[in-house]
């Protein structure tokens, strides 16, 4: 039951993350040009950190897979 719940939470979080990164990124046009690539690199990798606890919870106490 953990995996379906985690997938729904992940999809909702990623949709929000993408929306927030796009919205904030569009407001960076007045800043120096080097800020945009740095922002989008951080935003592109940064979603992993908040997801780690969810992924650990999702896989906790998972029975070993059988072949």
PDB file of N, CA and C in Angstrom:
ATOM      1  N   UNK A   1       0.810  -1.190   0.000  1.00  0.00           N
ATOM      2  CA  UNK A   1       0.000   0.000   0.000  1.00  0.00           C
ATOM      3  C   UNK A   1       0.861   1.265   0.000  1.00  0.00           C
ATOM      4  N   UNK A   2       2.113   1.142   0.441  1.00  0.00           N
ATOM      5  CA  UNK A   2       2.987   2.307   0.499  1.00  0.00           C
ATOM      6  C   UNK A   2       3.328   2.845  -0.882  1.00  0.00           C
ATOM      7  N   UNK A   3       3.580   1.958  -1.816  1.00  0.00           N
ATOM      8  CA  UNK A   3       4.040   2.408  -3.133  1.00  0.00           C
ATOM      9  C   UNK A   3       2.983   3.221  -3.887  1.00  0.00           C
ATOM     10  N   UNK A   4       1.717   2.827  -3.923  1.00  0.00           N
ATOM     11  CA  UNK A   4       0.731   3.678  -4.615  1.00  0.00           C
ATOM     12  C   UNK A   4       0.588   5.059  -3.967  1.00  0.00           C
ATOM     13  N   UNK A   5       0.630   5.096  -2.637  1.00  0.00           N
ATOM     14  CA  UNK A   5       0.548   6.385  -1.943  1.00  0.00           C
ATOM     15  C   UNK A   5       1.757   7.239  -2.291  1.00  0.00           C
ATOM     16  N   UNK A   6       2.940   6.637  -2.261  1.00  0.00           N
ATOM     17  CA  UNK A   6       4.172   7.372  -2.551  1.00  0.00           C
ATOM     18  C   UNK A   6       4.182   7.884  -3.986  1.00  0.00           C
ATOM     19  N   UNK A   7       3.674   7.113  -4.914  1.00  0.00           N
ATOM     20  CA  UNK A   7       3.643   7.550  -6.315  1.00  0.00           C
ATOM     21  C   UNK A   7       2.738   8.766  -6.474  1.00  0.00           C
ATOM     22  N   UNK A   8       1.591   8.762  -5.823  1.00  0.00           N
ATOM     23  CA  UNK A   8       0.678   9.904  -5.909  1.00  0.00           C
ATOM     24  C   UNK A   8       1.318  11.149  -5.304  1.00  0.00           C
ATOM     25  N   UNK A   9       1.959  10.989  -4.134  1.00  0.00           N
ATOM     26  CA  UNK A   9       2.622  12.122  -3.490  1.00  0.00           C
ATOM     27  C   UNK A   9       3.767  12.623  -4.362  1.00  0.00           C
ATOM     28  N   UNK A  10       4.539  11.707  -4.939  1.00  0.00           N
ATOM     29  CA  UNK A  10       5.654  12.097  -5.814  1.00  0.00           C
ATOM     30  C   UNK A  10       5.176  12.893  -7.019  1.00  0.00           C
ATOM     31  N   UNK A  11       4.125  12.416  -7.674  1.00  0.00           N
ATOM     32  CA  UNK A  11       3.611  13.111  -8.853  1.00  0.00           C
ATOM     33  C   UNK A  11       3.093  14.499  -8.495  1.00  0.00           C
ATOM     34  N   UNK A  12       2.411  14.609  -7.365  1.00  0.00           N
ATOM     35  CA  UNK A  12       1.913  15.916  -6.936  1.00  0.00           C
ATOM     36  C   UNK A  12       3.073  16.855  -6.605  1.00  0.00           C
ATOM     37  N   UNK A  13       4.073  16.339  -5.895  1.00  0.00           N
ATOM     38  CA  UNK A  13       5.220  17.165  -5.539  1.00  0.00           C
ATOM     39  C   UNK A  13       5.986  17.607  -6.776  1.00  0.00           C
ATOM     40  N   UNK A  14       6.214  16.693  -7.708  1.00  0.00           N
ATOM     41  CA  UNK A  14       6.955  17.051  -8.925  1.00  0.00           C
ATOM     42  C   UNK A  14       6.187  18.055  -9.780  1.00  0.00           C
ATOM     43  N   UNK A  15       4.861  17.924  -9.842  1.00  0.00           N
ATOM     44  CA  UNK A  15       4.067  18.909 -10.587  1.00  0.00           C
ATOM     45  C   UNK A  15       4.217  20.286  -9.952  1.00  0.00           C
ATOM     46  N   UNK A  16       4.164  20.344  -8.626  1.00  0.00           N
ATOM     47  CA  UNK A  16       4.354  21.619  -7.939  1.00  0.00           C
ATOM     48  C   UNK A  16       5.763  22.152  -8.162  1.00  0.00           C
ATOM     49  N   UNK A  17       6.762  21.279  -8.081  1.00  0.00           N
ATOM     50  CA  UNK A  17       8.161  21.692  -8.235  1.00  0.00           C
ATOM     51  C   UNK A  17       8.398  22.284  -9.621  1.00  0.00           C
ATOM     52  N   UNK A  18       7.871  21.625 -10.636  1.00  0.00           N
ATOM     53  CA  UNK A  18       8.038  22.101 -12.008  1.00  0.00           C
ATOM     54  C   UNK A  18       7.339  23.450 -12.188  1.00  0.00           C
ATOM     55  N   UNK A  19       6.129  23.565 -11.652  1.00  0.00           N
ATOM     56  CA  UNK A  19       5.409  24.838 -11.732  1.00  0.00           C
ATOM     57  C   UNK A  19       6.187  25.949 -11.029  1.00  0.00           C
ATOM     58  N   UNK A  20       6.685  25.673  -9.818  1.00  0.00           N
ATOM     59  CA  UNK A  20       7.414  26.684  -9.044  1.00  0.00           C
ATOM     60  C   UNK A  20       8.711  27.080  -9.746  1.00  0.00           C
ATOM     61  N   UNK A  21       9.448  26.118 -10.272  1.00  0.00           N
ATOM     62  CA  UNK A  21      10.704  26.418 -10.958  1.00  0.00           C
ATOM     63  C   UNK A  21      10.442  27.252 -12.213  1.00  0.00           C
ATOM     64  N   UNK A  22       9.421  26.913 -12.958  1.00  0.00           N
ATOM     65  CA  UNK A  22       9.102  27.679 -14.158  1.00  0.00           C
ATOM     66  C   UNK A  22       8.640  29.080 -13.836  1.00  0.00           C
ATOM     67  N   UNK A  23       7.818  29.215 -12.807  1.00  0.00           N
ATOM     68  CA  UNK A  23       7.320  30.528 -12.417  1.00  0.00           C
ATOM     69  C   UNK A  23       8.449  31.403 -11.885  1.00  0.00           C
ATOM     70  N   UNK A  24       9.251  30.860 -10.985  1.00  0.00           N
ATOM     71  CA  UNK A  24      10.367  31.639 -10.449  1.00  0.00           C
ATOM     72  C   UNK A  24      11.402  31.936 -11.529  1.00  0.00           C
ATOM     73  N   UNK A  25      11.643  30.969 -12.403  1.00  0.00           N
ATOM     74  CA  UNK A  25      12.617  31.175 -13.472  1.00  0.00           C
ATOM     75  C   UNK A  25      12.217  32.276 -14.434  1.00  0.00           C
ATOM     76  N   UNK A  26      10.912  32.446 -14.648  1.00  0.00           N
ATOM     77  CA  UNK A  26      10.468  33.502 -15.557  1.00  0.00           C
ATOM     78  C   UNK A  26      10.654  34.896 -14.952  1.00  0.00           C
ATOM     79  N   UNK A  27      10.811  34.966 -13.644  1.00  0.00           N
ATOM     80  CA  UNK A  27      11.029  36.263 -12.990  1.00  0.00           C
ATOM     81  C   UNK A  27      12.511  36.623 -12.892  1.00  0.00           C
ATOM     82  N   UNK A  28      13.380  35.785 -13.403  1.00  0.00           N
ATOM     83  CA  UNK A  28      14.815  36.041 -13.326  1.00  0.00           C
ATOM     84  C   UNK A  28      15.348  36.830 -14.510  1.00  0.00           C
ATOM     85  N   UNK A  29      14.492  37.292 -15.377  1.00  0.00           N
ATOM     86  CA  UNK A  29      14.960  37.948 -16.600  1.00  0.00           C
ATOM     87  C   UNK A  29      15.681  39.267 -16.334  1.00  0.00           C
ATOM     88  N   UNK A  30      15.409  39.917 -15.225  1.00  0.00           N
ATOM     89  CA  UNK A  30      16.073  41.180 -14.922  1.00  0.00           C
ATOM     90  C   UNK A  30      17.432  41.015 -14.275  1.00  0.00           C
ATOM     91  N   UNK A  31      17.770  39.808 -13.875  1.00  0.00           N
ATOM     92  CA  UNK A  31      19.047  39.545 -13.213  1.00  0.00           C
ATOM     93  C   UNK A  31      20.132  39.245 -14.250  1.00  0.00           C
ATOM     94  N   UNK A  32      21.392  39.198 -13.838  1.00  0.00           N
ATOM     95  CA  UNK A  32      22.464  38.847 -14.787  1.00  0.00           C
ATOM     96  C   UNK A  32      22.209  37.488 -15.451  1.00  0.00           C
ATOM     97  N   UNK A  33      22.728  37.339 -16.666  1.00  0.00           N
ATOM     98  CA  UNK A  33      22.471  36.128 -17.461  1.00  0.00           C
ATOM     99  C   UNK A  33      22.962  34.839 -16.813  1.00  0.00           C
ATOM    100  N   UNK A  34      24.006  34.902 -16.008  1.00  0.00           N
ATOM    101  CA  UNK A  34      24.559  33.677 -15.422  1.00  0.00           C
ATOM    102  C   UNK A  34      23.670  33.129 -14.313  1.00  0.00           C
ATOM    103  N   UNK A  35      22.724  33.908 -13.821  1.00  0.00           N
ATOM    104  CA  UNK A  35      21.858  33.459 -12.725  1.00  0.00           C
ATOM    105  C   UNK A  35      20.867  32.399 -13.209  1.00  0.00           C
ATOM    106  N   UNK A  36      20.348  32.565 -14.421  1.00  0.00           N
ATOM    107  CA  UNK A  36      19.357  31.617 -14.932  1.00  0.00           C
ATOM    108  C   UNK A  36      19.880  30.188 -15.023  1.00  0.00           C
ATOM    109  N   UNK A  37      21.045  29.939 -15.650  1.00  0.00           N
ATOM    110  CA  UNK A  37      21.512  28.549 -15.703  1.00  0.00           C
ATOM    111  C   UNK A  37      21.771  27.965 -14.308  1.00  0.00           C
ATOM    112  N   UNK A  38      22.312  28.781 -13.415  1.00  0.00           N
ATOM    113  CA  UNK A  38      22.568  28.295 -12.055  1.00  0.00           C
ATOM    114  C   UNK A  38      21.247  27.931 -11.383  1.00  0.00           C
ATOM    115  N   UNK A  39      20.252  28.792 -11.522  1.00  0.00           N
ATOM    116  CA  UNK A  39      18.942  28.517 -10.922  1.00  0.00           C
ATOM    117  C   UNK A  39      18.339  27.228 -11.464  1.00  0.00           C
ATOM    118  N   UNK A  40      18.349  27.070 -12.790  1.00  0.00           N
ATOM    119  CA  UNK A  40      17.708  25.896 -13.371  1.00  0.00           C
ATOM    120  C   UNK A  40      18.494  24.611 -13.104  1.00  0.00           C
ATOM    121  N   UNK A  41      19.799  24.693 -12.966  1.00  0.00           N
ATOM    122  CA  UNK A  41      20.572  23.510 -12.573  1.00  0.00           C
ATOM    123  C   UNK A  41      20.219  23.104 -11.145  1.00  0.00           C
ATOM    124  N   UNK A  42      20.171  24.090 -10.255  1.00  0.00           N
ATOM    125  CA  UNK A  42      19.808  23.793  -8.860  1.00  0.00           C
ATOM    126  C   UNK A  42      18.371  23.280  -8.780  1.00  0.00           C
ATOM    127  N   UNK A  43      17.469  23.897  -9.518  1.00  0.00           N
ATOM    128  CA  UNK A  43      16.071  23.455  -9.508  1.00  0.00           C
ATOM    129  C   UNK A  43      15.929  22.064 -10.122  1.00  0.00           C
ATOM    130  N   UNK A  44      16.738  21.763 -11.123  1.00  0.00           N
ATOM    131  CA  UNK A  44      16.662  20.458 -11.764  1.00  0.00           C
ATOM    132  C   UNK A  44      17.188  19.324 -10.912  1.00  0.00           C
ATOM    133  N   UNK A  45      18.118  19.629 -10.037  1.00  0.00           N
ATOM    134  CA  UNK A  45      18.693  18.599  -9.162  1.00  0.00           C
ATOM    135  C   UNK A  45      18.073  18.659  -7.764  1.00  0.00           C
ATOM    136  N   UNK A  46      17.600  19.834  -7.384  1.00  0.00           N
ATOM    137  CA  UNK A  46      17.135  20.063  -6.020  1.00  0.00           C
ATOM    138  C   UNK A  46      15.913  19.277  -5.596  1.00  0.00           C
ATOM    139  N   UNK A  47      15.116  18.770  -6.513  1.00  0.00           N
ATOM    140  CA  UNK A  47      13.918  18.025  -6.144  1.00  0.00           C
ATOM    141  C   UNK A  47      14.246  16.705  -5.453  1.00  0.00           C
ATOM    142  N   UNK A  48      15.468  16.226  -5.647  1.00  0.00           N
ATOM    143  CA  UNK A  48      15.850  14.927  -5.075  1.00  0.00           C
ATOM    144  C   UNK A  48      15.896  14.982  -3.553  1.00  0.00           C
ATOM    145  N   UNK A  49      16.395  16.070  -2.992  1.00  0.00           N
ATOM    146  CA  UNK A  49      16.546  16.158  -1.534  1.00  0.00           C
ATOM    147  C   UNK A  49      15.223  16.032  -0.783  1.00  0.00           C
ATOM    148  N   UNK A  50      14.164  16.736  -1.170  1.00  0.00           N
ATOM    149  CA  UNK A  50      12.902  16.534  -0.459  1.00  0.00           C
ATOM    150  C   UNK A  50      12.272  15.161  -0.701  1.00  0.00           C
ATOM    151  N   UNK A  51      12.645  14.492  -1.783  1.00  0.00           N
ATOM    152  CA  UNK A  51      12.074  13.182  -2.103  1.00  0.00           C
ATOM    153  C   UNK A  51      12.716  12.035  -1.328  1.00  0.00           C
ATOM    154  N   UNK A  52      13.925  12.236  -0.831  1.00  0.00           N
ATOM    155  CA  UNK A  52      14.639  11.147  -0.154  1.00  0.00           C
ATOM    156  C   UNK A  52      13.852  10.510   0.987  1.00  0.00           C
ATOM    157  N   UNK A  53      13.274  11.309   1.908  1.00  0.00           N
ATOM    158  CA  UNK A  53      12.509  10.661   2.984  1.00  0.00           C
ATOM    159  C   UNK A  53      11.323   9.853   2.462  1.00  0.00           C
ATOM    160  N   UNK A  54      10.659  10.347   1.432  1.00  0.00           N
ATOM    161  CA  UNK A  54       9.529   9.610   0.866  1.00  0.00           C
ATOM    162  C   UNK A  54       9.992   8.301   0.246  1.00  0.00           C
ATOM    163  N   UNK A  55      11.097   8.327  -0.472  1.00  0.00           N
ATOM    164  CA  UNK A  55      11.611   7.107  -1.087  1.00  0.00           C
ATOM    165  C   UNK A  55      12.058   6.104  -0.028  1.00  0.00           C
ATOM    166  N   UNK A  56      12.670   6.589   1.044  1.00  0.00           N
ATOM    167  CA  UNK A  56      13.064   5.682   2.133  1.00  0.00           C
ATOM    168  C   UNK A  56      11.840   5.070   2.789  1.00  0.00           C
ATOM    169  N   UNK A  57      10.814   5.884   3.014  1.00  0.00           N
ATOM    170  CA  UNK A  57       9.592   5.370   3.625  1.00  0.00           C
ATOM    171  C   UNK A  57       8.924   4.353   2.717  1.00  0.00           C
ATOM    172  N   UNK A  58       8.902   4.643   1.434  1.00  0.00           N
ATOM    173  CA  UNK A  58       8.251   3.759   0.481  1.00  0.00           C
ATOM    174  C   UNK A  58       8.908   2.383   0.450  1.00  0.00           C
ATOM    175  N   UNK A  59      10.225   2.344   0.600  1.00  0.00           N
ATOM    176  CA  UNK A  59      10.948   1.076   0.500  1.00  0.00           C
ATOM    177  C   UNK A  59      11.261   0.451   1.848  1.00  0.00           C
ATOM    178  N   UNK A  60      10.821   1.060   2.938  1.00  0.00           N
ATOM    179  CA  UNK A  60      11.080   0.497   4.258  1.00  0.00           C
ATOM    180  C   UNK A  60      10.263  -0.776   4.456  1.00  0.00           C
ATOM    181  N   UNK A  61      10.904  -1.747   5.031  1.00  0.00           N
ATOM    182  CA  UNK A  61      10.233  -3.027   5.349  1.00  0.00           C
ATOM    183  C   UNK A  61       9.632  -3.701   4.121  1.00  0.00           C
ATOM    184  N   UNK A  62      10.183  -3.446   2.983  1.00  0.00           N
ATOM    185  CA  UNK A  62       9.696  -4.096   1.782  1.00  0.00           C
ATOM    186  C   UNK A  62      10.177  -5.545   1.772  1.00  0.00           C
ATOM    187  N   UNK A  63       9.301  -6.468   1.498  1.00  0.00           N
ATOM    188  CA  UNK A  63       9.726  -7.857   1.434  1.00  0.00           C
ATOM    189  C   UNK A  63      10.663  -8.067   0.255  1.00  0.00           C
ATOM    190  N   UNK A  64      11.587  -8.991   0.379  1.00  0.00           N
ATOM    191  CA  UNK A  64      12.505  -9.233  -0.749  1.00  0.00           C
ATOM    192  C   UNK A  64      11.743  -9.726  -1.966  1.00  0.00           C
ATOM    193  N   UNK A  65      12.190  -9.235  -3.122  1.00  0.00           N
ATOM    194  CA  UNK A  65      11.538  -9.633  -4.360  1.00  0.00           C
ATOM    195  C   UNK A  65      11.944 -11.053  -4.733  1.00  0.00           C
ATOM    196  N   UNK A  66      10.979 -11.789  -5.276  1.00  0.00           N
ATOM    197  CA  UNK A  66      11.246 -13.151  -5.711  1.00  0.00           C
ATOM    198  C   UNK A  66      11.408 -13.170  -7.219  1.00  0.00           C
ATOM    199  N   UNK A  67      12.214 -14.074  -7.691  1.00  0.00           N
ATOM    200  CA  UNK A  67      12.440 -14.205  -9.133  1.00  0.00           C
ATOM    201  C   UNK A  67      11.331 -14.953  -9.786  1.00  0.00           C
TER     202      UNK A  67
END
